[in-house]
Amino acid sequence: MELDDLKHAWKTLDRRLERQDALNLQLLRDARTDRARRGLRPLAWGQGVQMLVGAAGALALGSHWPGHAANLPVLLSALALHAYCVGLIVAGGIVQGHIAHIDYAAPVVAIQQQLLRLRRAYLVSGWLAGLPWWFLCAPLLVVFSDGAILARAPRLVPILLATGLVGLAGTWLFHRWIHSPRRAALGRRLEDGAAGTSIRRATAALDELSRFERE
């Protein structure tokens, strides 16, 4: 075989290998992005359920508190619960928006950044949905009893509110404790757990693709 023929054969082989590598990378990218997309579906469904619960609660309370305008404790309790239900809708909608706007055709780094923003939004949504429960038992009792609990057990509601305040302070102190530099690893593990399985799986799929592209 002549030298020119040999060079031509090598170039042809190189082009075929490059095309094969590009095809393999595209197949891997499609598989991993599809896995990430499917992995986020349970999270989207969960946020949808949260929004439905919030909507049902807001409708029920919205028709309840106008009839108790003269009863200030019941009115304030119903308004607080109504605001919480609306917050559930808003928080769920924000997370749903982040999920819907992930561009799986974008570069891997861009998708990872979008997942990071989704993770932050989900963590904030979880705090907003969870922390108020330290105080919600009191207004729930007031609303469900139409204020009768205040006469039957006048000390119960202040005790519940005080307990909620202590619980909220304890949560804040625990949050600071686990995020101290000496316990950084523990803080990361707890945050990863709070981020949810769906986001962790989607992130792992994109990380695997990122490592393959760097190799």
Foldseek 3Di string as FASTA:
>chain_A
DDPVVVVVVVVVVVVVVVVVVVVVLVVLLVVLLVQLLVLCVVVLVVLVVLLVVLVVLLVVLVVQLVVVPVPVLLNVLSVVSNVLSVLSNVLSVVLNVLSVPQDSVDDLVSNLVSLVVSLVSQLVSCCSNPLCVLQNVLSVVCNVVVNVCCVVPVVVNVVSNVSSVVVNVVVVVVLVVCVDPVNVVVNVVVSVVSSDPSSVSSNVSSVVSVVVVVD
